[in-house]
Protein backbone atom coordinates (compact mmCIF):
# COMPACT_ATOMS: atom_id res chain seq x y z
CA MET A 1 -172.87 239.05 -70.62
CA GLN A 2 -176.38 239.68 -69.36
CA TYR A 3 -177.70 237.19 -71.93
CA LYS A 4 -175.35 234.46 -70.65
CA SER A 5 -176.40 235.11 -67.05
CA THR A 6 -180.07 234.80 -67.96
CA LEU A 7 -179.42 231.54 -69.87
CA PHE A 8 -177.48 230.13 -66.89
CA LEU A 9 -180.36 230.88 -64.51
CA MET A 10 -182.88 229.21 -66.83
CA LEU A 11 -180.76 226.08 -67.11
CA LEU A 12 -180.32 225.98 -63.34
CA PHE A 13 -184.12 226.28 -62.80
CA ALA A 14 -184.82 223.54 -65.34
CA GLY A 15 -182.29 221.27 -63.68
CA THR A 16 -183.94 221.79 -60.30
CA ILE A 17 -187.39 220.82 -61.69
CA PHE A 18 -185.96 217.73 -63.41
CA THR A 19 -184.22 216.63 -60.19
CA SER A 20 -187.50 216.98 -58.24
CA CYS A 21 -189.46 214.93 -60.80
CA ALA A 22 -186.78 212.25 -60.82
CA SER A 23 -186.80 211.97 -57.03
CA SER A 24 -190.61 211.78 -57.02
CA THR A 25 -190.56 209.00 -59.60
CA THR A 26 -187.90 207.13 -57.64
CA GLU A 27 -190.04 207.26 -54.51
CA SER A 28 -193.17 206.00 -56.30
CA ILE A 29 -191.49 202.85 -57.69
CA LYS A 30 -189.04 201.16 -55.32
CA ILE A 31 -186.65 198.57 -56.78
CA SER A 32 -184.46 196.21 -54.78
CA GLU A 33 -180.73 195.83 -55.28
CA SER A 34 -181.32 192.67 -57.31
CA GLY A 35 -183.40 194.67 -59.81
CA GLU A 36 -186.80 193.19 -58.88
CA VAL A 37 -189.77 195.15 -57.59
CA SER A 38 -190.46 194.56 -53.88
CA SER A 39 -193.73 192.63 -53.53
CA ASP A 40 -194.68 194.21 -50.19
CA THR A 41 -194.12 197.75 -51.41
CA PHE A 42 -195.32 197.15 -54.97
CA VAL A 43 -198.58 195.31 -54.29
CA ALA A 44 -199.77 196.76 -51.00
CA GLN A 45 -198.85 200.37 -51.65
CA ARG A 46 -199.74 200.43 -55.37
CA VAL A 47 -203.13 198.77 -54.94
CA SER A 48 -203.91 201.15 -52.11
CA ASP A 49 -202.84 204.14 -54.22
CA ALA A 50 -204.86 202.87 -57.19
CA SER A 51 -207.99 202.75 -55.08
CA SER A 52 -207.53 205.91 -53.03
CA LYS A 53 -206.25 208.33 -55.67
CA LEU A 54 -208.87 207.37 -58.25
CA ILE A 55 -211.94 207.69 -56.02
CA GLU A 56 -214.31 210.13 -57.63
CA SER A 57 -216.47 212.18 -55.33
CA PRO A 58 -220.20 211.39 -55.84
CA GLN A 59 -220.99 214.96 -54.78
CA ALA A 60 -218.92 216.27 -57.68
CA VAL A 61 -220.80 214.04 -60.09
CA LYS A 62 -224.19 215.02 -58.61
CA ALA A 63 -223.37 218.68 -59.12
CA SER A 64 -223.20 218.15 -62.88
CA ARG A 65 -225.87 215.45 -63.22
CA PRO A 66 -228.44 215.68 -66.05
CA LYS A 67 -232.22 215.84 -65.77
CA THR A 68 -234.17 213.86 -63.19
CA GLN A 69 -234.36 210.14 -63.89
CA LEU A 70 -237.75 208.56 -63.06
CA ILE A 71 -239.09 205.00 -63.13
CA LYS A 72 -242.74 205.31 -64.13
CA LYS A 73 -245.47 202.70 -63.75
CA ALA A 74 -249.12 202.98 -64.78
CA ALA A 75 -252.30 200.98 -64.09
CA MET A 76 -255.70 201.11 -65.79
CA THR A 77 -259.02 199.27 -65.47
CA ALA A 78 -261.57 199.45 -68.29
CA ILE A 79 -265.00 197.96 -69.01
CA VAL A 80 -265.23 196.78 -72.63
CA ASP A 81 -267.90 195.18 -74.82
CA SER A 82 -265.66 192.33 -75.99
CA VAL A 83 -262.54 191.27 -74.12
CA GLU A 84 -261.18 189.19 -77.01
CA GLU A 85 -261.48 192.06 -79.50
CA SER A 86 -259.91 194.42 -76.95
CA ILE A 87 -256.94 192.09 -76.48
CA ASP A 88 -256.29 192.16 -80.23
CA ALA A 89 -256.50 195.96 -80.16
CA VAL A 90 -254.05 196.14 -77.24
CA LEU A 91 -251.53 193.98 -79.09
CA GLU A 92 -251.75 196.34 -82.05
CA ILE A 93 -251.19 199.34 -79.78
CA ILE A 94 -248.11 197.68 -78.24
CA THR A 95 -246.63 197.06 -81.67
CA LYS A 96 -247.45 200.60 -82.79
CA GLN A 97 -245.77 202.15 -79.73
CA GLN A 98 -242.67 199.91 -80.12
CA GLY A 99 -243.34 198.22 -76.78
CA ASP A 100 -243.22 194.67 -75.45
CA LEU A 101 -245.89 192.32 -74.08
CA ILE A 102 -244.84 191.05 -70.63
CA LYS A 103 -247.89 189.14 -69.40
CA LEU A 104 -251.35 188.07 -70.61
CA GLU A 105 -253.91 186.31 -68.41
CA GLN A 106 -257.51 185.52 -69.38
CA LYS A 107 -260.24 184.45 -66.94
CA GLN A 108 -263.25 182.81 -68.52
CA PRO A 109 -266.65 183.41 -66.83
CA ARG A 110 -268.16 180.55 -64.83
CA ASN A 111 -271.74 181.72 -65.28
CA ASN A 112 -273.76 184.59 -66.70
CA ARG A 113 -273.20 186.68 -63.59
CA THR A 114 -269.38 186.44 -63.75
CA PRO A 115 -267.74 188.79 -66.27
CA TYR A 116 -265.00 187.79 -68.69
CA LYS A 117 -261.70 189.32 -67.47
CA ALA A 118 -258.16 189.72 -68.81
CA LEU A 119 -254.90 191.06 -67.34
CA ILE A 120 -252.28 192.53 -69.68
CA GLN A 121 -248.85 193.85 -68.69
CA MET A 122 -246.73 195.71 -71.22
CA ARG A 123 -243.66 197.95 -71.55
CA VAL A 124 -243.53 201.06 -73.71
CA PRO A 125 -240.96 203.85 -74.10
CA GLN A 126 -241.39 206.35 -71.28
CA ASN A 127 -241.89 209.27 -73.67
CA LEU A 128 -244.88 207.39 -75.16
CA LEU A 129 -246.50 206.45 -71.84
CA THR A 130 -249.22 209.12 -71.82
CA LEU A 131 -249.99 208.59 -75.50
CA THR A 132 -250.32 204.83 -74.96
CA LEU A 133 -252.68 205.31 -72.00
CA ASP A 134 -254.85 207.60 -74.13
CA GLU A 135 -255.03 204.92 -76.82
CA LEU A 136 -255.96 202.23 -74.29
CA ALA A 137 -258.67 204.46 -72.82
CA LYS A 138 -260.49 204.35 -76.16
CA LEU A 139 -261.16 200.61 -75.76
CA GLY A 140 -264.06 201.13 -73.36
CA THR A 141 -265.15 202.86 -70.17
CA VAL A 142 -262.19 203.65 -67.91
CA GLN A 143 -262.89 202.76 -64.27
CA SER A 144 -259.49 203.80 -62.89
CA ARG A 145 -256.21 205.21 -64.18
CA ASN A 146 -253.07 206.11 -62.23
CA ILE A 147 -249.36 206.73 -62.76
CA THR A 148 -246.61 206.36 -60.13
CA ALA A 149 -243.02 207.60 -60.43
CA GLN A 150 -239.85 206.80 -58.49
CA ASP A 151 -236.85 209.15 -58.61
CA VAL A 152 -233.61 207.16 -59.10
CA SER A 153 -231.37 210.05 -60.14
CA ASP A 154 -229.10 209.92 -57.07
CA ARG A 155 -228.89 206.15 -57.25
CA LEU A 156 -227.83 206.26 -60.91
CA VAL A 157 -225.19 208.89 -60.19
CA ASP A 158 -223.76 206.89 -57.28
CA ILE A 159 -223.63 203.69 -59.31
CA GLN A 160 -222.02 205.46 -62.26
CA ALA A 161 -219.39 207.02 -60.00
CA ARG A 162 -218.57 203.64 -58.43
CA LEU A 163 -218.34 202.08 -61.87
CA ASN A 164 -216.00 204.78 -63.15
CA ASN A 165 -213.74 204.41 -60.11
CA LEU A 166 -213.57 200.63 -60.52
CA ARG A 167 -212.73 200.89 -64.21
CA LYS A 168 -209.90 203.33 -63.50
CA THR A 169 -208.65 201.02 -60.77
CA GLU A 170 -208.81 198.15 -63.25
CA ALA A 171 -206.68 200.09 -65.74
CA ASN A 172 -204.17 201.01 -63.06
CA LEU A 173 -203.86 197.42 -61.87
CA GLN A 174 -203.30 196.30 -65.44
CA LYS A 175 -200.37 198.72 -65.67
CA LEU A 176 -198.97 197.29 -62.43
CA ILE A 177 -199.04 193.79 -63.93
CA ASP A 178 -197.05 195.05 -66.91
CA ARG A 179 -194.42 196.57 -64.58
CA ALA A 180 -194.16 193.59 -62.21
CA LYS A 181 -190.90 191.65 -62.30
CA SER A 182 -191.67 188.58 -60.18
CA VAL A 183 -194.31 185.87 -60.48
CA LYS A 184 -195.47 186.55 -56.91
CA ASP A 185 -196.19 190.19 -57.75
CA ILE A 186 -198.07 189.24 -60.91
CA LEU A 187 -200.24 186.69 -59.07
CA SER A 188 -201.03 189.14 -56.26
CA VAL A 189 -202.07 191.94 -58.60
CA THR A 190 -203.99 189.50 -60.84
CA GLN A 191 -206.03 188.39 -57.83
CA GLU A 192 -206.93 191.99 -57.01
CA LEU A 193 -207.74 192.63 -60.66
CA SER A 194 -210.12 189.67 -60.72
CA LYS A 195 -212.01 191.03 -57.70
CA VAL A 196 -212.29 194.47 -59.28
CA ARG A 197 -213.61 193.04 -62.56
CA GLU A 198 -216.20 190.99 -60.68
CA GLN A 199 -217.46 194.15 -58.97
CA ILE A 200 -217.52 195.95 -62.32
CA GLU A 201 -219.74 193.27 -63.88
CA ARG A 202 -222.15 193.30 -60.93
CA ILE A 203 -222.45 197.09 -60.76
CA ASP A 204 -222.67 197.42 -64.53
CA ALA A 205 -225.64 194.98 -64.51
CA GLN A 206 -227.36 197.10 -61.83
CA LEU A 207 -226.76 200.25 -63.86
CA LYS A 208 -228.17 198.76 -67.06
CA ASN A 209 -231.22 197.42 -65.21
CA LEU A 210 -232.02 200.85 -63.76
CA GLN A 211 -231.43 202.57 -67.09
CA ASN A 212 -233.78 200.09 -68.76
CA GLN A 213 -236.49 200.76 -66.17
CA VAL A 214 -236.12 204.48 -66.75
CA ALA A 215 -236.25 204.14 -70.53
CA TYR A 216 -239.33 201.87 -70.54
CA SER A 217 -242.47 202.28 -68.42
CA THR A 218 -244.67 199.38 -67.31
CA ILE A 219 -248.45 199.44 -67.82
CA THR A 220 -250.84 197.01 -66.11
CA LEU A 221 -254.20 196.88 -67.89
CA ASN A 222 -257.27 195.13 -66.47
CA LEU A 223 -260.07 194.45 -68.97
CA GLU A 224 -263.55 193.43 -67.86
CA ALA A 225 -266.50 192.58 -70.08
CA ALA A 226 -269.78 194.36 -69.51
CA VAL A 227 -272.45 192.07 -67.96
CA VAL A 228 -276.03 192.18 -69.33
CA ASN A 229 -278.31 192.04 -66.29
CA SER A 230 -281.70 191.57 -68.02
CA SER A 231 -282.55 189.23 -70.89
CA PRO A 232 -284.88 190.39 -73.71
CA LYS A 233 -288.64 189.87 -73.02
CA PRO A 234 -290.24 187.21 -75.30
CA ASN A 235 -293.06 188.29 -77.65
CA PHE A 236 -296.75 187.20 -77.48
CA GLY A 237 -296.37 184.32 -79.91
CA SER A 238 -293.39 182.92 -78.02
CA GLN A 239 -295.33 183.09 -74.76
CA ILE A 240 -298.35 181.20 -76.25
CA LYS A 241 -296.07 178.58 -77.73
CA SER A 242 -294.23 178.16 -74.45
CA THR A 243 -297.53 177.83 -72.53
CA TRP A 244 -298.87 175.21 -74.97
CA ASN A 245 -295.66 173.21 -74.73
CA ASN A 246 -295.73 173.33 -70.94
CA SER A 247 -299.41 172.26 -70.76
CA SER A 248 -298.88 169.45 -73.29
CA ASN A 249 -295.92 168.21 -71.34
CA SER A 250 -297.99 168.34 -68.15
CA VAL A 251 -300.81 166.20 -69.72
CA VAL A 252 -298.30 163.69 -71.00
CA GLU A 253 -296.59 163.46 -67.63
CA PHE A 254 -299.99 163.03 -65.84
CA THR A 255 -301.01 160.24 -68.25
CA ILE A 256 -297.74 158.49 -67.79
CA GLY A 257 -298.20 158.74 -64.03
CA LEU A 258 -301.62 157.08 -64.22
CA LEU A 259 -300.24 154.30 -66.37
CA LYS A 260 -297.47 153.72 -63.87
CA ILE A 261 -300.04 153.49 -61.03
CA GLY A 262 -302.09 150.96 -63.07
CA ILE A 263 -299.01 148.85 -63.68
CA TRP A 264 -298.24 148.86 -59.96
CA LEU A 265 -301.81 147.79 -59.16
CA VAL A 266 -301.67 144.93 -61.68
CA ALA A 267 -298.37 143.78 -60.27
CA TYR A 268 -299.78 143.67 -56.72
CA THR A 269 -303.22 142.16 -57.68
CA PRO A 270 -302.49 138.67 -56.19
CA TYR A 271 -301.68 140.20 -52.84
CA LEU A 272 -304.79 142.35 -53.00
CA LEU A 273 -306.96 139.27 -53.75
CA ILE A 274 -305.46 137.39 -50.82
CA MET A 275 -306.10 140.31 -48.53
CA LEU A 276 -309.69 140.63 -49.76
CA ALA A 277 -310.30 136.88 -49.30
CA ALA A 278 -308.90 136.99 -45.78
CA ALA A 279 -311.09 139.96 -44.93
CA TYR A 280 -314.18 138.20 -46.35
CA GLY A 281 -313.45 135.01 -44.36
CA ILE A 282 -312.98 136.92 -41.11
CA ASN A 283 -316.18 138.86 -41.67
CA LYS A 284 -318.15 135.65 -42.42
CA TRP A 285 -316.75 133.95 -39.32
CA ARG A 286 -317.82 136.85 -37.13
CA ARG A 287 -321.38 136.70 -38.52
CA SER A 288 -321.61 132.96 -37.84
CA SER A 289 -320.45 133.48 -34.28
CA ASN A 290 -323.07 136.17 -33.70
CA ASN A 291 -325.90 133.96 -35.03
CA LEU A 292 -324.94 131.10 -32.68
CA ASN A 293 -325.10 133.41 -29.72
């Protein structure tokens, strides 16, 4: 008898729980008398529930976030003996460190006083950044070297949380489309689903871009060729030879100058004769006038 009483109480308790679950399910999905889901209740309430109930607290994600995520950038300026040979060495270092060449600019010197310069930008895995800088420093004399870091841990966590929420909302909206009974309901939910998927693509692109910047560090390398200020002093024989050549050229130029003057005088000889004849006539006329007086 006691066993039957206990069994009756268990069945009664189970029936109560089943009735509560059934009533809760009935309240969550309202169906009209015609058997179709109400568009106002189905779309407005379900979309709102899908967004509100699936929101994941960023603070909860931050509490369990992994190590700090940093975007690192480095810059270096080095004086090298040969810029062209250094560029080849840099390309080998990039390949060795499994990096990528982003930019290469070369500036040829205009004169002996202007050095040959080159600008190289590259990407290398962040865990190989220090090792790569040490390899680049061996190319020549390092003038400057610096590394900057930007903490994007919170930003990554926030973006990841938003992305997770949107993906759950997307899955929930897809279930609502499967349960919809009318074309109007399907179109309404499909429109909301399209907006959610557009946000997912945009946020996912931002997340991948940040993750890529964290995984790979950028290095800007400025190479500058060393300028030789003084030229080598010529030896005694070279100085004598240079002096003889200069003096010989001077004699030749002086002789040519005299010849040019002679040619000019020959060309103007008729005018000189006329001028001399006129001067002689005037002088003779003056003497004749003086004798008459």
